[in-house]
Amino acid sequence: MFPLLIVLCGIVLWAGITLEDAGDLLDRYGLLAVMVPAMIGMGGNLGSILSARLSTRLHLGTTTFDPTDRLLWANVAAIFALATTIFTALAGAVWLFGIVVGATLTLGHLLVISLVSGLSIAAIAVVASVVATYGSYRLGIDPDDTTIPIVTNVVDVFGMLVFLAVSRWVLVG
């Protein structure tokens, strides 16, 4: 378990460096800096929810990781529905905050950034959750001990990259 934690620490360090490198974009569009913690936190939460549900199903013996498993797909659909709701609300809340502080980003820009980034992060979280849960199970490790640290770290790094890339694409071109 300790080597895994060392690797995950390195991954989170990479996320911090990525965020530091995006300083100019975040300085120019300050509302993006407000979105970063919520965006990354919610992505990790979505992955944690799915990981916990998959792990519980494994312990109960009700999952086989079969691509035709309807309950697996129902859980994935629930994650995407939750992501759509959460990231739409995030865009709205940040837009309202922007009105109060006099920021210039439009609701349309914030919705595109939030939904495209958020749904992409949700997809990363789903893949990471399934792979981490299945991999832990196949290696004989309790998924309750490994999946959430793996998923949250993966989502932190790749979520940050996706968020910054989408933000640049929408705002800079």
C-alpha atoms as a PDB file:
ATOM      1  CA  MET A   1       0.000   0.000   0.000  1.00  0.00           C
ATOM      2  CA  PHE A   2       2.859   2.404   0.800  1.00  0.00           C
ATOM      3  CA  PRO A   3       4.330   2.389  -2.752  1.00  0.00           C
ATOM      4  CA  LEU A   4       0.878   3.220  -4.103  1.00  0.00           C
ATOM      5  CA  LEU A   5       0.644   6.201  -1.760  1.00  0.00           C
ATOM      6  CA  ILE A   6       4.047   7.453  -2.923  1.00  0.00           C
ATOM      7  CA  VAL A   7       2.936   7.272  -6.573  1.00  0.00           C
ATOM      8  CA  LEU A   8      -0.320   9.042  -5.747  1.00  0.00           C
ATOM      9  CA  CYS A   9       1.576  11.821  -3.952  1.00  0.00           C
ATOM     10  CA  GLY A  10       3.614  12.340  -7.113  1.00  0.00           C
ATOM     11  CA  ILE A  11       0.439  12.537  -9.170  1.00  0.00           C
ATOM     12  CA  VAL A  12      -1.035  15.198  -6.890  1.00  0.00           C
ATOM     13  CA  LEU A  13       2.237  17.136  -7.045  1.00  0.00           C
ATOM     14  CA  TRP A  14       1.901  17.131 -10.844  1.00  0.00           C
ATOM     15  CA  ALA A  15      -1.604  18.609 -10.485  1.00  0.00           C
ATOM     16  CA  GLY A  16      -0.214  21.426  -8.357  1.00  0.00           C
ATOM     17  CA  ILE A  17       2.495  22.186 -10.889  1.00  0.00           C
ATOM     18  CA  THR A  18      -0.112  22.227 -13.657  1.00  0.00           C
ATOM     19  CA  LEU A  19      -2.199  24.691 -11.681  1.00  0.00           C
ATOM     20  CA  GLU A  20       0.831  26.891 -11.066  1.00  0.00           C
ATOM     21  CA  ASP A  21       1.611  26.939 -14.799  1.00  0.00           C
ATOM     22  CA  ALA A  22      -1.919  28.198 -15.525  1.00  0.00           C
ATOM     23  CA  GLY A  23      -1.431  31.291 -13.394  1.00  0.00           C
ATOM     24  CA  ASP A  24      -1.780  33.739 -16.302  1.00  0.00           C
ATOM     25  CA  LEU A  25      -5.133  32.303 -17.382  1.00  0.00           C
ATOM     26  CA  LEU A  26      -6.417  32.255 -13.815  1.00  0.00           C
ATOM     27  CA  ASP A  27      -5.198  35.814 -13.200  1.00  0.00           C
ATOM     28  CA  ARG A  28      -6.913  37.079 -16.338  1.00  0.00           C
ATOM     29  CA  TYR A  29     -10.177  35.254 -15.628  1.00  0.00           C
ATOM     30  CA  GLY A  30     -10.441  35.232 -11.854  1.00  0.00           C
ATOM     31  CA  LEU A  31     -13.761  33.377 -11.821  1.00  0.00           C
ATOM     32  CA  LEU A  32     -11.934  30.313 -13.126  1.00  0.00           C
ATOM     33  CA  ALA A  33      -9.875  30.286  -9.943  1.00  0.00           C
ATOM     34  CA  VAL A  34     -13.139  30.193  -7.996  1.00  0.00           C
ATOM     35  CA  MET A  35     -14.246  27.174 -10.028  1.00  0.00           C
ATOM     36  CA  VAL A  36     -11.061  25.113  -9.596  1.00  0.00           C
ATOM     37  CA  PRO A  37     -11.627  23.698  -6.086  1.00  0.00           C
ATOM     38  CA  ALA A  38     -15.281  22.903  -6.710  1.00  0.00           C
ATOM     39  CA  MET A  39     -14.609  21.399 -10.126  1.00  0.00           C
ATOM     40  CA  ILE A  40     -11.854  19.103  -8.920  1.00  0.00           C
ATOM     41  CA  GLY A  41     -13.549  18.299  -5.620  1.00  0.00           C
ATOM     42  CA  MET A  42     -16.825  17.349  -7.270  1.00  0.00           C
ATOM     43  CA  GLY A  43     -15.024  15.193  -9.824  1.00  0.00           C
ATOM     44  CA  GLY A  44     -13.322  13.283  -7.039  1.00  0.00           C
ATOM     45  CA  ASN A  45     -16.604  12.974  -5.172  1.00  0.00           C
ATOM     46  CA  LEU A  46     -18.335  11.513  -8.222  1.00  0.00           C
ATOM     47  CA  GLY A  47     -15.559   8.954  -8.610  1.00  0.00           C
ATOM     48  CA  SER A  48     -15.695   8.141  -4.908  1.00  0.00           C
ATOM     49  CA  ILE A  49     -19.442   7.581  -5.069  1.00  0.00           C
ATOM     50  CA  LEU A  50     -19.123   5.143  -7.951  1.00  0.00           C
ATOM     51  CA  SER A  51     -16.112   3.402  -6.393  1.00  0.00           C
ATOM     52  CA  ALA A  52     -17.980   2.891  -3.133  1.00  0.00           C
ATOM     53  CA  ARG A  53     -21.037   1.543  -4.944  1.00  0.00           C
ATOM     54  CA  LEU A  54     -18.943  -0.859  -7.031  1.00  0.00           C
ATOM     55  CA  SER A  55     -16.974  -1.998  -4.003  1.00  0.00           C
ATOM     56  CA  THR A  56     -20.177  -2.640  -2.063  1.00  0.00           C
ATOM     57  CA  ARG A  57     -21.580  -4.664  -4.954  1.00  0.00           C
ATOM     58  CA  LEU A  58     -18.338  -6.672  -5.049  1.00  0.00           C
ATOM     59  CA  HIS A  59     -18.547  -7.439  -1.342  1.00  0.00           C
ATOM     60  CA  LEU A  60     -22.180  -8.471  -1.728  1.00  0.00           C
ATOM     61  CA  GLY A  61     -21.324 -10.642  -4.731  1.00  0.00           C
ATOM     62  CA  THR A  62     -23.766  -8.837  -7.007  1.00  0.00           C
ATOM     63  CA  THR A  63     -21.367  -7.615  -9.693  1.00  0.00           C
ATOM     64  CA  THR A  64     -19.282  -9.359 -12.315  1.00  0.00           C
ATOM     65  CA  PHE A  65     -17.891  -6.369 -14.255  1.00  0.00           C
ATOM     66  CA  ASP A  66     -19.741  -7.664 -17.282  1.00  0.00           C
ATOM     67  CA  PRO A  67     -20.210  -4.947 -19.933  1.00  0.00           C
ATOM     68  CA  THR A  68     -23.858  -6.022 -20.190  1.00  0.00           C
ATOM     69  CA  ASP A  69     -24.504  -5.496 -16.451  1.00  0.00           C
ATOM     70  CA  ARG A  70     -27.530  -3.200 -16.415  1.00  0.00           C
ATOM     71  CA  LEU A  71     -26.992  -2.110 -12.811  1.00  0.00           C
ATOM     72  CA  LEU A  72     -23.425  -1.056 -13.611  1.00  0.00           C
ATOM     73  CA  TRP A  73     -24.702   1.094 -16.476  1.00  0.00           C
ATOM     74  CA  ALA A  74     -27.467   2.487 -14.262  1.00  0.00           C
ATOM     75  CA  ASN A  75     -24.804   3.594 -11.765  1.00  0.00           C
ATOM     76  CA  VAL A  76     -22.761   5.174 -14.555  1.00  0.00           C
ATOM     77  CA  ALA A  77     -25.851   6.991 -15.848  1.00  0.00           C
ATOM     78  CA  ALA A  78     -26.580   8.230 -12.328  1.00  0.00           C
ATOM     79  CA  ILE A  79     -23.055   9.638 -12.078  1.00  0.00           C
ATOM     80  CA  PHE A  80     -23.489  11.532 -15.353  1.00  0.00           C
ATOM     81  CA  ALA A  81     -26.927  12.821 -14.317  1.00  0.00           C
ATOM     82  CA  LEU A  82     -25.487  14.006 -11.014  1.00  0.00           C
ATOM     83  CA  ALA A  83     -22.530  15.589 -12.826  1.00  0.00           C
ATOM     84  CA  THR A  84     -24.840  17.467 -15.186  1.00  0.00           C
ATOM     85  CA  THR A  85     -26.814  18.847 -12.264  1.00  0.00           C
ATOM     86  CA  ILE A  86     -23.799  19.739 -10.140  1.00  0.00           C
ATOM     87  CA  PHE A  87     -21.764  21.384 -12.881  1.00  0.00           C
ATOM     88  CA  THR A  88     -24.745  23.373 -14.166  1.00  0.00           C
ATOM     89  CA  ALA A  89     -25.318  24.650 -10.633  1.00  0.00           C
ATOM     90  CA  LEU A  90     -21.609  25.449 -10.328  1.00  0.00           C
ATOM     91  CA  ALA A  91     -21.702  27.588 -13.473  1.00  0.00           C
ATOM     92  CA  GLY A  92     -24.774  29.418 -12.207  1.00  0.00           C
ATOM     93  CA  ALA A  93     -23.300  30.037  -8.768  1.00  0.00           C
ATOM     94  CA  VAL A  94     -20.004  31.285 -10.192  1.00  0.00           C
ATOM     95  CA  TRP A  95     -21.871  33.534 -12.639  1.00  0.00           C
ATOM     96  CA  LEU A  96     -23.888  35.061  -9.778  1.00  0.00           C
ATOM     97  CA  PHE A  97     -20.681  35.566  -7.820  1.00  0.00           C
ATOM     98  CA  GLY A  98     -19.201  37.206 -10.917  1.00  0.00           C
ATOM     99  CA  ILE A  99     -22.088  39.670 -11.044  1.00  0.00           C
ATOM    100  CA  VAL A 100     -21.412  40.632  -7.426  1.00  0.00           C
ATOM    101  CA  VAL A 101     -17.675  41.174  -7.972  1.00  0.00           C
ATOM    102  CA  GLY A 102     -17.998  42.684 -11.454  1.00  0.00           C
ATOM    103  CA  ALA A 103     -16.377  39.875 -13.469  1.00  0.00           C
ATOM    104  CA  THR A 104     -16.840  39.784 -17.233  1.00  0.00           C
ATOM    105  CA  LEU A 105     -17.402  36.099 -18.001  1.00  0.00           C
ATOM    106  CA  THR A 106     -20.828  35.343 -19.420  1.00  0.00           C
ATOM    107  CA  LEU A 107     -23.158  32.630 -18.210  1.00  0.00           C
ATOM    108  CA  GLY A 108     -22.777  30.948 -21.606  1.00  0.00           C
ATOM    109  CA  HIS A 109     -18.994  30.760 -21.276  1.00  0.00           C
ATOM    110  CA  LEU A 110     -19.251  29.457 -17.737  1.00  0.00           C
ATOM    111  CA  LEU A 111     -21.845  26.836 -18.697  1.00  0.00           C
ATOM    112  CA  VAL A 112     -19.716  25.545 -21.578  1.00  0.00           C
ATOM    113  CA  ILE A 113     -16.577  25.445 -19.449  1.00  0.00           C
ATOM    114  CA  SER A 114     -18.338  23.859 -16.495  1.00  0.00           C
ATOM    115  CA  LEU A 115     -20.378  21.269 -18.399  1.00  0.00           C
ATOM    116  CA  VAL A 116     -17.720  20.212 -20.914  1.00  0.00           C
ATOM    117  CA  SER A 117     -15.060  20.028 -18.205  1.00  0.00           C
ATOM    118  CA  GLY A 118     -17.390  18.490 -15.650  1.00  0.00           C
ATOM    119  CA  LEU A 119     -18.777  15.773 -17.899  1.00  0.00           C
ATOM    120  CA  SER A 120     -15.266  14.975 -19.133  1.00  0.00           C
ATOM    121  CA  ILE A 121     -14.083  14.749 -15.536  1.00  0.00           C
ATOM    122  CA  ALA A 122     -17.069  12.513 -14.762  1.00  0.00           C
ATOM    123  CA  ALA A 123     -16.025  10.225 -17.629  1.00  0.00           C
ATOM    124  CA  ILE A 124     -12.486  10.080 -16.242  1.00  0.00           C
ATOM    125  CA  ALA A 125     -13.897   9.350 -12.787  1.00  0.00           C
ATOM    126  CA  VAL A 126     -16.071   6.526 -14.134  1.00  0.00           C
ATOM    127  CA  VAL A 127     -13.175   4.886 -15.976  1.00  0.00           C
ATOM    128  CA  ALA A 128     -10.819   5.314 -13.018  1.00  0.00           C
ATOM    129  CA  SER A 129     -13.438   3.913 -10.621  1.00  0.00           C
ATOM    130  CA  VAL A 130     -14.144   0.822 -12.680  1.00  0.00           C
ATOM    131  CA  VAL A 131     -10.461   0.149 -13.407  1.00  0.00           C
ATOM    132  CA  ALA A 132      -9.351   0.741  -9.798  1.00  0.00           C
ATOM    133  CA  THR A 133     -12.141  -1.377  -8.336  1.00  0.00           C
ATOM    134  CA  TYR A 134     -11.669  -4.219 -10.786  1.00  0.00           C
ATOM    135  CA  GLY A 135      -7.873  -4.039 -10.539  1.00  0.00           C
ATOM    136  CA  SER A 136      -7.945  -4.121  -6.745  1.00  0.00           C
ATOM    137  CA  TYR A 137     -10.318  -7.062  -6.802  1.00  0.00           C
ATOM    138  CA  ARG A 138      -8.158  -8.982  -9.305  1.00  0.00           C
ATOM    139  CA  LEU A 139      -5.034  -8.339  -7.208  1.00  0.00           C
ATOM    140  CA  GLY A 140      -6.762  -9.585  -4.069  1.00  0.00           C
ATOM    141  CA  ILE A 141      -6.748  -6.170  -2.405  1.00  0.00           C
ATOM    142  CA  ASP A 142      -9.851  -4.823  -0.702  1.00  0.00           C
ATOM    143  CA  PRO A 143     -11.193  -2.114  -3.052  1.00  0.00           C
ATOM    144  CA  ASP A 144     -12.423  -0.160  -0.016  1.00  0.00           C
ATOM    145  CA  ASP A 145      -8.765   0.500   0.836  1.00  0.00           C
ATOM    146  CA  THR A 146      -7.480   1.507  -2.590  1.00  0.00           C
ATOM    147  CA  THR A 147     -10.099   2.849  -4.954  1.00  0.00           C
ATOM    148  CA  ILE A 148     -10.919   6.224  -3.440  1.00  0.00           C
ATOM    149  CA  PRO A 149      -7.278   7.407  -3.101  1.00  0.00           C
ATOM    150  CA  ILE A 150      -6.540   6.245  -6.641  1.00  0.00           C
ATOM    151  CA  VAL A 151      -9.652   7.749  -8.176  1.00  0.00           C
ATOM    152  CA  THR A 152      -9.414  11.100  -6.413  1.00  0.00           C
ATOM    153  CA  ASN A 153      -5.748  11.515  -7.371  1.00  0.00           C
ATOM    154  CA  VAL A 154      -6.343  10.567 -10.997  1.00  0.00           C
ATOM    155  CA  VAL A 155      -9.333  12.905 -11.190  1.00  0.00           C
ATOM    156  CA  ASP A 156      -7.331  15.724  -9.548  1.00  0.00           C
ATOM    157  CA  VAL A 157      -4.602  15.595 -12.173  1.00  0.00           C
ATOM    158  CA  PHE A 158      -6.556  14.833 -15.305  1.00  0.00           C
ATOM    159  CA  GLY A 159      -9.483  16.938 -14.169  1.00  0.00           C
ATOM    160  CA  MET A 160      -7.179  19.912 -13.775  1.00  0.00           C
ATOM    161  CA  LEU A 161      -5.735  19.338 -17.246  1.00  0.00           C
ATOM    162  CA  VAL A 162      -9.201  19.030 -18.790  1.00  0.00           C
ATOM    163  CA  PHE A 163     -10.554  22.086 -16.966  1.00  0.00           C
ATOM    164  CA  LEU A 164      -7.624  24.260 -18.015  1.00  0.00           C
ATOM    165  CA  ALA A 165      -7.693  22.990 -21.617  1.00  0.00           C
ATOM    166  CA  VAL A 166     -11.440  23.606 -21.960  1.00  0.00           C
ATOM    167  CA  SER A 167     -11.099  27.030 -20.339  1.00  0.00           C
ATOM    168  CA  ARG A 168      -8.327  28.000 -22.762  1.00  0.00           C
ATOM    169  CA  TRP A 169     -10.334  26.661 -25.708  1.00  0.00           C
ATOM    170  CA  VAL A 170     -13.469  28.606 -24.752  1.00  0.00           C
ATOM    171  CA  LEU A 171     -11.843  31.863 -23.653  1.00  0.00           C
ATOM    172  CA  VAL A 172      -8.628  32.143 -25.653  1.00  0.00           C
ATOM    173  CA  GLY A 173      -9.420  30.086 -28.716  1.00  0.00           C
END
